[in-house]
């Protein structure tokens, strides 16, 4: 069961990264090619849903694995808590919520906010990289 959870956890991470990087690229393409904007502009909201689903899967599988693999948060290696991994995961979640709110405001007509979207993509990509680094530091048995 834990192997399945871990595979799902990694798939969730892949979805989050693909969404973050993909949206950054698409939004740059929209800015560079106004003629393609009507078609390309349909992609970010869909990719955002992929990323949100991936993040939800990460939270779900991560919390389940906390108990199935470690018997609860008190048994997780101390490096997990001191590596800031969970802090970065929380910040990623906050950025995803902020990006979703921004997308809703853009759809409601506030087009000036479009400039913020690539920033969210960059921030999420950097945070997800930090999550990976912290996960390796926290769970690498060879330390």
N, C-alpha and C. Protein backbone atom coordinates (compact mmCIF):
# COMPACT_ATOMS: atom_id res chain seq x y z
N UNK A 1 0.82 -1.20 0.00
CA UNK A 1 0.00 0.00 0.00
C UNK A 1 0.86 1.26 0.00
N UNK A 2 1.93 1.25 0.80
CA UNK A 2 2.78 2.43 0.86
C UNK A 2 3.45 2.72 -0.48
N UNK A 3 3.79 1.67 -1.21
CA UNK A 3 4.37 1.89 -2.53
C UNK A 3 3.38 2.60 -3.45
N UNK A 4 2.12 2.16 -3.39
CA UNK A 4 1.08 2.81 -4.21
C UNK A 4 0.90 4.26 -3.80
N UNK A 5 0.86 4.52 -2.50
CA UNK A 5 0.74 5.89 -2.01
C UNK A 5 1.91 6.75 -2.48
N UNK A 6 3.10 6.18 -2.41
CA UNK A 6 4.28 6.95 -2.82
C UNK A 6 4.25 7.24 -4.32
N UNK A 7 3.82 6.26 -5.12
CA UNK A 7 3.68 6.49 -6.57
C UNK A 7 2.66 7.61 -6.82
N UNK A 8 1.53 7.56 -6.15
CA UNK A 8 0.52 8.61 -6.30
C UNK A 8 1.06 9.96 -5.84
N UNK A 9 1.85 9.94 -4.78
CA UNK A 9 2.47 11.17 -4.27
C UNK A 9 3.38 11.79 -5.35
N UNK A 10 4.19 10.95 -5.97
CA UNK A 10 5.08 11.44 -7.02
C UNK A 10 4.31 11.90 -8.25
N UNK A 11 3.23 11.22 -8.59
CA UNK A 11 2.39 11.66 -9.71
C UNK A 11 1.76 13.02 -9.40
N UNK A 12 1.34 13.22 -8.17
CA UNK A 12 0.81 14.52 -7.76
C UNK A 12 1.86 15.60 -7.88
N UNK A 13 3.07 15.27 -7.49
CA UNK A 13 4.17 16.23 -7.62
C UNK A 13 4.43 16.55 -9.08
N UNK A 14 4.41 15.53 -9.92
CA UNK A 14 4.61 15.74 -11.35
C UNK A 14 3.56 16.65 -11.95
N UNK A 15 2.31 16.47 -11.54
CA UNK A 15 1.22 17.32 -12.02
C UNK A 15 1.42 18.76 -11.57
N UNK A 16 1.86 18.93 -10.34
CA UNK A 16 2.09 20.29 -9.82
C UNK A 16 3.22 20.97 -10.58
N UNK A 17 4.30 20.26 -10.82
CA UNK A 17 5.43 20.84 -11.55
C UNK A 17 5.04 21.13 -13.00
N UNK A 18 4.36 20.18 -13.64
CA UNK A 18 3.95 20.39 -15.03
C UNK A 18 3.05 21.60 -15.17
N UNK A 19 2.15 21.76 -14.23
CA UNK A 19 1.25 22.92 -14.25
C UNK A 19 2.02 24.22 -14.08
N UNK A 20 2.90 24.24 -13.11
CA UNK A 20 3.67 25.45 -12.81
C UNK A 20 4.54 25.87 -14.00
N UNK A 21 5.33 24.95 -14.49
CA UNK A 21 6.23 25.26 -15.60
C UNK A 21 5.44 25.48 -16.89
N UNK A 22 4.44 24.63 -17.11
CA UNK A 22 3.62 24.76 -18.32
C UNK A 22 2.92 26.10 -18.41
N UNK A 23 2.33 26.53 -17.30
CA UNK A 23 1.64 27.82 -17.32
C UNK A 23 2.61 28.97 -17.53
N UNK A 24 3.78 28.89 -16.95
CA UNK A 24 4.78 29.93 -17.16
C UNK A 24 5.11 30.04 -18.65
N UNK A 25 5.33 28.91 -19.31
CA UNK A 25 5.67 28.91 -20.74
C UNK A 25 4.50 29.42 -21.58
N UNK A 26 3.30 28.92 -21.30
CA UNK A 26 2.12 29.34 -22.07
C UNK A 26 1.90 30.85 -21.93
N UNK A 27 2.01 31.35 -20.72
CA UNK A 27 1.77 32.78 -20.50
C UNK A 27 2.83 33.64 -21.21
N UNK A 28 4.05 33.16 -21.30
CA UNK A 28 5.07 33.89 -22.07
C UNK A 28 4.72 33.85 -23.56
N UNK A 29 4.22 32.72 -24.02
CA UNK A 29 3.83 32.61 -25.43
C UNK A 29 2.67 33.56 -25.74
N UNK A 30 1.73 33.68 -24.82
CA UNK A 30 0.60 34.60 -25.00
C UNK A 30 1.12 36.03 -25.14
N UNK A 31 2.07 36.39 -24.29
CA UNK A 31 2.62 37.75 -24.33
C UNK A 31 3.39 38.01 -25.62
N UNK A 32 4.05 36.98 -26.14
CA UNK A 32 4.88 37.14 -27.33
C UNK A 32 4.08 37.06 -28.63
N UNK A 33 2.91 36.45 -28.58
CA UNK A 33 2.15 36.22 -29.80
C UNK A 33 0.67 36.59 -29.59
N UNK A 34 0.36 37.87 -29.65
CA UNK A 34 -1.03 38.29 -29.42
C UNK A 34 -2.04 37.61 -30.35
N UNK A 35 -1.62 37.25 -31.53
CA UNK A 35 -2.55 36.61 -32.47
C UNK A 35 -2.99 35.23 -31.97
N UNK A 36 -2.13 34.57 -31.22
CA UNK A 36 -2.45 33.24 -30.70
C UNK A 36 -3.15 33.28 -29.34
N UNK A 37 -3.30 34.47 -28.80
CA UNK A 37 -3.87 34.64 -27.46
C UNK A 37 -5.22 33.95 -27.26
N UNK A 38 -6.16 34.05 -28.20
CA UNK A 38 -7.47 33.42 -27.96
C UNK A 38 -7.39 31.92 -27.70
N UNK A 39 -6.49 31.24 -28.39
CA UNK A 39 -6.36 29.80 -28.20
C UNK A 39 -5.50 29.50 -26.97
N UNK A 40 -4.34 30.15 -26.89
CA UNK A 40 -3.42 29.87 -25.79
C UNK A 40 -4.01 30.25 -24.42
N UNK A 41 -4.83 31.26 -24.38
CA UNK A 41 -5.38 31.72 -23.10
C UNK A 41 -6.31 30.68 -22.47
N UNK A 42 -6.75 29.69 -23.24
CA UNK A 42 -7.61 28.64 -22.70
C UNK A 42 -6.82 27.61 -21.90
N UNK A 43 -5.51 27.57 -22.10
CA UNK A 43 -4.70 26.53 -21.48
C UNK A 43 -4.42 26.77 -19.99
N UNK A 44 -4.01 27.96 -19.56
CA UNK A 44 -3.65 28.13 -18.14
C UNK A 44 -4.72 27.72 -17.14
N UNK A 45 -5.99 28.05 -17.33
CA UNK A 45 -6.96 27.59 -16.33
C UNK A 45 -7.04 26.07 -16.23
N UNK A 46 -6.90 25.41 -17.37
CA UNK A 46 -6.95 23.93 -17.35
C UNK A 46 -5.70 23.36 -16.69
N UNK A 47 -4.55 23.94 -17.01
CA UNK A 47 -3.32 23.49 -16.35
C UNK A 47 -3.37 23.78 -14.85
N UNK A 48 -3.98 24.90 -14.50
CA UNK A 48 -4.12 25.23 -13.08
C UNK A 48 -4.91 24.15 -12.35
N UNK A 49 -5.96 23.63 -12.98
CA UNK A 49 -6.75 22.56 -12.37
C UNK A 49 -5.92 21.29 -12.21
N UNK A 50 -5.06 21.02 -13.20
CA UNK A 50 -4.15 19.86 -13.09
C UNK A 50 -3.24 20.05 -11.88
N UNK A 51 -2.68 21.24 -11.75
CA UNK A 51 -1.80 21.52 -10.62
C UNK A 51 -2.52 21.45 -9.29
N UNK A 52 -3.74 21.97 -9.25
CA UNK A 52 -4.52 21.92 -8.01
C UNK A 52 -4.85 20.48 -7.64
N UNK A 53 -5.18 19.69 -8.63
CA UNK A 53 -5.45 18.27 -8.38
C UNK A 53 -4.20 17.57 -7.87
N UNK A 54 -3.07 17.89 -8.50
CA UNK A 54 -1.80 17.31 -8.06
C UNK A 54 -1.47 17.71 -6.63
N UNK A 55 -1.69 18.97 -6.30
CA UNK A 55 -1.42 19.43 -4.94
C UNK A 55 -2.36 18.74 -3.94
N UNK A 56 -3.61 18.60 -4.32
CA UNK A 56 -4.54 17.87 -3.46
C UNK A 56 -4.11 16.44 -3.24
N UNK A 57 -3.64 15.80 -4.31
CA UNK A 57 -3.14 14.43 -4.21
C UNK A 57 -1.91 14.37 -3.31
N UNK A 58 -1.04 15.36 -3.42
CA UNK A 58 0.14 15.42 -2.55
C UNK A 58 -0.26 15.50 -1.08
N UNK A 59 -1.20 16.39 -0.77
CA UNK A 59 -1.64 16.53 0.62
C UNK A 59 -2.27 15.23 1.11
N UNK A 60 -3.16 14.67 0.30
CA UNK A 60 -3.87 13.46 0.71
C UNK A 60 -2.89 12.30 0.95
N UNK A 61 -2.06 12.02 -0.03
CA UNK A 61 -1.13 10.90 0.11
C UNK A 61 -0.08 11.17 1.17
N UNK A 62 0.36 12.43 1.26
CA UNK A 62 1.36 12.77 2.28
C UNK A 62 0.84 12.56 3.69
N UNK A 63 -0.39 13.00 3.93
CA UNK A 63 -0.97 12.82 5.26
C UNK A 63 -1.22 11.34 5.57
N UNK A 64 -1.68 10.60 4.58
CA UNK A 64 -1.89 9.16 4.81
C UNK A 64 -0.56 8.47 5.09
N UNK A 65 0.48 8.79 4.29
CA UNK A 65 1.79 8.17 4.50
C UNK A 65 2.40 8.55 5.85
N UNK A 66 2.05 9.71 6.34
CA UNK A 66 2.55 10.13 7.65
C UNK A 66 2.20 9.08 8.70
N UNK A 67 1.00 8.50 8.57
CA UNK A 67 0.59 7.48 9.53
C UNK A 67 0.94 6.07 9.08
N UNK A 68 0.77 5.75 7.80
CA UNK A 68 1.02 4.37 7.37
C UNK A 68 2.50 4.03 7.34
N UNK A 69 3.34 5.00 7.06
CA UNK A 69 4.78 4.72 6.99
C UNK A 69 5.51 5.03 8.30
N UNK A 70 5.01 6.03 9.03
CA UNK A 70 5.75 6.48 10.20
C UNK A 70 4.98 6.33 11.51
N UNK A 71 3.70 6.01 11.44
CA UNK A 71 2.91 5.87 12.65
C UNK A 71 2.51 7.19 13.27
N UNK A 72 2.59 8.27 12.51
CA UNK A 72 2.19 9.58 13.00
C UNK A 72 3.31 10.60 12.91
N UNK A 73 2.98 11.87 13.05
CA UNK A 73 3.98 12.94 12.88
C UNK A 73 5.11 12.89 13.90
N UNK A 74 4.85 12.31 15.07
CA UNK A 74 5.88 12.25 16.10
C UNK A 74 7.03 11.31 15.72
N UNK A 75 6.80 10.42 14.74
CA UNK A 75 7.82 9.44 14.35
C UNK A 75 8.54 9.78 13.05
N UNK A 76 8.16 10.89 12.43
CA UNK A 76 8.82 11.31 11.19
C UNK A 76 10.24 11.76 11.55
N UNK A 77 11.20 11.48 10.68
CA UNK A 77 12.57 11.93 10.99
C UNK A 77 12.59 13.42 11.31
N UNK A 78 13.37 13.80 12.28
CA UNK A 78 13.43 15.22 12.67
C UNK A 78 13.88 16.10 11.51
N UNK A 79 14.62 15.52 10.58
CA UNK A 79 15.05 16.31 9.42
C UNK A 79 13.87 16.77 8.58
N UNK A 80 12.75 16.04 8.65
CA UNK A 80 11.55 16.47 7.92
C UNK A 80 11.08 17.83 8.44
N UNK A 81 11.02 17.94 9.75
CA UNK A 81 10.53 19.18 10.35
C UNK A 81 11.55 20.30 10.24
N UNK A 82 12.84 19.97 10.34
CA UNK A 82 13.87 21.01 10.32
C UNK A 82 14.34 21.36 8.92
N UNK A 83 13.92 20.61 7.92
CA UNK A 83 14.35 20.89 6.55
C UNK A 83 13.47 21.96 5.89
N UNK A 84 12.43 22.37 6.53
CA UNK A 84 11.47 23.36 6.02
C UNK A 84 10.58 22.81 4.91
N UNK A 85 10.63 21.51 4.65
CA UNK A 85 9.81 20.93 3.58
C UNK A 85 8.34 21.29 3.75
N UNK A 86 7.82 21.07 4.94
CA UNK A 86 6.40 21.30 5.17
C UNK A 86 6.07 22.79 5.03
N UNK A 87 7.01 23.65 5.42
CA UNK A 87 6.80 25.10 5.27
C UNK A 87 6.66 25.45 3.79
N UNK A 88 7.54 24.89 2.97
CA UNK A 88 7.47 25.17 1.53
C UNK A 88 6.18 24.61 0.92
N UNK A 89 5.73 23.45 1.40
CA UNK A 89 4.48 22.86 0.90
C UNK A 89 3.30 23.78 1.25
N UNK A 90 3.32 24.31 2.45
CA UNK A 90 2.26 25.23 2.87
C UNK A 90 2.29 26.50 2.02
N UNK A 91 3.48 27.02 1.78
CA UNK A 91 3.60 28.24 0.97
C UNK A 91 3.15 27.97 -0.47
N UNK A 92 3.50 26.81 -1.03
CA UNK A 92 3.02 26.44 -2.37
C UNK A 92 1.50 26.45 -2.38
N UNK A 93 0.89 25.89 -1.36
CA UNK A 93 -0.57 25.83 -1.28
C UNK A 93 -1.16 27.24 -1.26
N UNK A 94 -0.56 28.13 -0.49
CA UNK A 94 -1.02 29.52 -0.43
C UNK A 94 -0.88 30.19 -1.80
N UNK A 95 0.23 29.97 -2.48
CA UNK A 95 0.44 30.57 -3.81
C UNK A 95 -0.57 30.02 -4.81
N UNK A 96 -0.88 28.75 -4.73
CA UNK A 96 -1.89 28.15 -5.62
C UNK A 96 -3.25 28.81 -5.39
N UNK A 97 -3.61 29.02 -4.14
CA UNK A 97 -4.88 29.68 -3.82
C UNK A 97 -4.87 31.12 -4.36
N UNK A 98 -3.75 31.83 -4.16
CA UNK A 98 -3.65 33.20 -4.66
C UNK A 98 -3.76 33.25 -6.18
N UNK A 99 -3.12 32.30 -6.86
CA UNK A 99 -3.19 32.25 -8.32
C UNK A 99 -4.61 31.98 -8.78
N UNK A 100 -5.31 31.10 -8.09
CA UNK A 100 -6.70 30.79 -8.44
C UNK A 100 -7.59 32.01 -8.26
N UNK A 101 -7.40 32.73 -7.18
CA UNK A 101 -8.17 33.96 -6.95
C UNK A 101 -7.86 34.98 -8.05
N UNK A 102 -6.60 35.08 -8.42
CA UNK A 102 -6.21 36.00 -9.49
C UNK A 102 -6.86 35.62 -10.81
N UNK A 103 -6.88 34.31 -11.13
CA UNK A 103 -7.52 33.85 -12.37
C UNK A 103 -9.01 34.20 -12.38
N UNK A 104 -9.66 34.03 -11.24
CA UNK A 104 -11.09 34.37 -11.16
C UNK A 104 -11.30 35.86 -11.37
N UNK A 105 -10.42 36.68 -10.83
CA UNK A 105 -10.54 38.13 -11.02
C UNK A 105 -10.28 38.52 -12.47
N UNK A 106 -9.37 37.82 -13.11
CA UNK A 106 -9.09 38.09 -14.53
C UNK A 106 -10.32 37.73 -15.36
N UNK A 107 -10.92 36.57 -15.08
CA UNK A 107 -12.13 36.16 -15.81
C UNK A 107 -13.29 37.13 -15.58
N UNK A 108 -13.26 37.78 -14.42
CA UNK A 108 -14.31 38.76 -14.11
C UNK A 108 -14.05 40.11 -14.78
N UNK A 109 -12.89 40.24 -15.45
CA UNK A 109 -12.64 41.45 -16.21
C UNK A 109 -11.43 42.27 -15.81
N UNK A 110 -10.75 41.90 -14.73
CA UNK A 110 -9.57 42.66 -14.31
C UNK A 110 -8.34 42.15 -15.06
N UNK A 111 -8.20 42.57 -16.31
CA UNK A 111 -7.12 42.07 -17.17
C UNK A 111 -5.74 42.57 -16.76
N UNK A 112 -5.68 43.60 -15.93
CA UNK A 112 -4.38 44.10 -15.47
C UNK A 112 -3.65 43.06 -14.62
N UNK A 113 -4.39 42.12 -14.06
CA UNK A 113 -3.79 41.09 -13.21
C UNK A 113 -3.07 40.00 -14.01
N UNK A 114 -3.26 39.98 -15.32
CA UNK A 114 -2.62 38.95 -16.16
C UNK A 114 -1.11 38.97 -15.97
N UNK A 115 -0.54 40.13 -15.73
CA UNK A 115 0.91 40.25 -15.55
C UNK A 115 1.41 39.49 -14.33
N UNK A 116 0.55 39.24 -13.36
CA UNK A 116 0.96 38.53 -12.15
C UNK A 116 1.10 37.02 -12.36
N UNK A 117 0.40 36.48 -13.33
CA UNK A 117 0.35 35.03 -13.49
C UNK A 117 1.73 34.39 -13.72
N UNK A 118 2.59 34.95 -14.58
CA UNK A 118 3.91 34.32 -14.73
C UNK A 118 4.72 34.33 -13.43
N UNK A 119 4.50 35.33 -12.60
CA UNK A 119 5.22 35.40 -11.32
C UNK A 119 4.81 34.22 -10.44
N UNK A 120 3.51 33.92 -10.42
CA UNK A 120 3.05 32.77 -9.64
C UNK A 120 3.71 31.48 -10.14
N UNK A 121 3.82 31.33 -11.44
CA UNK A 121 4.45 30.14 -12.01
C UNK A 121 5.90 30.01 -11.60
N UNK A 122 6.64 31.10 -11.64
CA UNK A 122 8.05 31.08 -11.24
C UNK A 122 8.17 30.76 -9.76
N UNK A 123 7.37 31.43 -8.95
CA UNK A 123 7.42 31.21 -7.50
C UNK A 123 7.10 29.75 -7.17
N UNK A 124 6.06 29.20 -7.81
CA UNK A 124 5.69 27.81 -7.55
C UNK A 124 6.79 26.85 -7.99
N UNK A 125 7.41 27.11 -9.15
CA UNK A 125 8.47 26.23 -9.62
C UNK A 125 9.65 26.24 -8.65
N UNK A 126 10.03 27.41 -8.17
CA UNK A 126 11.14 27.51 -7.21
C UNK A 126 10.77 26.81 -5.90
N UNK A 127 9.56 27.04 -5.43
CA UNK A 127 9.13 26.39 -4.18
C UNK A 127 9.09 24.87 -4.33
N UNK A 128 8.61 24.39 -5.47
CA UNK A 128 8.57 22.94 -5.67
C UNK A 128 9.98 22.35 -5.73
N UNK A 129 10.91 23.07 -6.31
CA UNK A 129 12.31 22.63 -6.30
C UNK A 129 12.82 22.56 -4.86
N UNK A 130 12.51 23.56 -4.07
CA UNK A 130 12.92 23.55 -2.66
C UNK A 130 12.27 22.40 -1.89
N UNK A 131 11.03 22.07 -2.23
CA UNK A 131 10.36 20.93 -1.59
C UNK A 131 11.13 19.65 -1.90
N UNK A 132 11.56 19.48 -3.14
CA UNK A 132 12.31 18.27 -3.52
C UNK A 132 13.63 18.21 -2.76
N UNK A 133 14.34 19.33 -2.74
CA UNK A 133 15.63 19.36 -2.02
C UNK A 133 15.43 19.00 -0.55
N UNK A 134 14.42 19.60 0.06
CA UNK A 134 14.15 19.32 1.47
C UNK A 134 13.71 17.88 1.69
N UNK A 135 12.95 17.32 0.76
CA UNK A 135 12.52 15.92 0.89
C UNK A 135 13.72 15.00 0.83
N UNK A 136 14.64 15.28 -0.07
CA UNK A 136 15.85 14.46 -0.17
C UNK A 136 16.65 14.56 1.12
N UNK A 137 16.80 15.77 1.63
CA UNK A 137 17.55 15.95 2.88
C UNK A 137 16.83 15.28 4.05
N UNK A 138 15.51 15.33 4.05
CA UNK A 138 14.74 14.78 5.16
C UNK A 138 14.68 13.26 5.17
N UNK A 139 14.58 12.66 4.01
CA UNK A 139 14.32 11.21 3.95
C UNK A 139 15.46 10.37 3.39
N UNK A 140 16.57 10.99 3.04
CA UNK A 140 17.70 10.24 2.50
C UNK A 140 18.34 9.44 3.63
N UNK A 141 18.32 8.11 3.53
CA UNK A 141 18.86 7.29 4.63
C UNK A 141 20.38 7.31 4.70
N UNK A 142 21.04 7.93 3.76
CA UNK A 142 22.50 7.91 3.72
C UNK A 142 23.14 9.11 4.37
N UNK A 143 22.36 9.89 5.10
CA UNK A 143 22.94 11.04 5.81
C UNK A 143 23.65 10.58 7.04
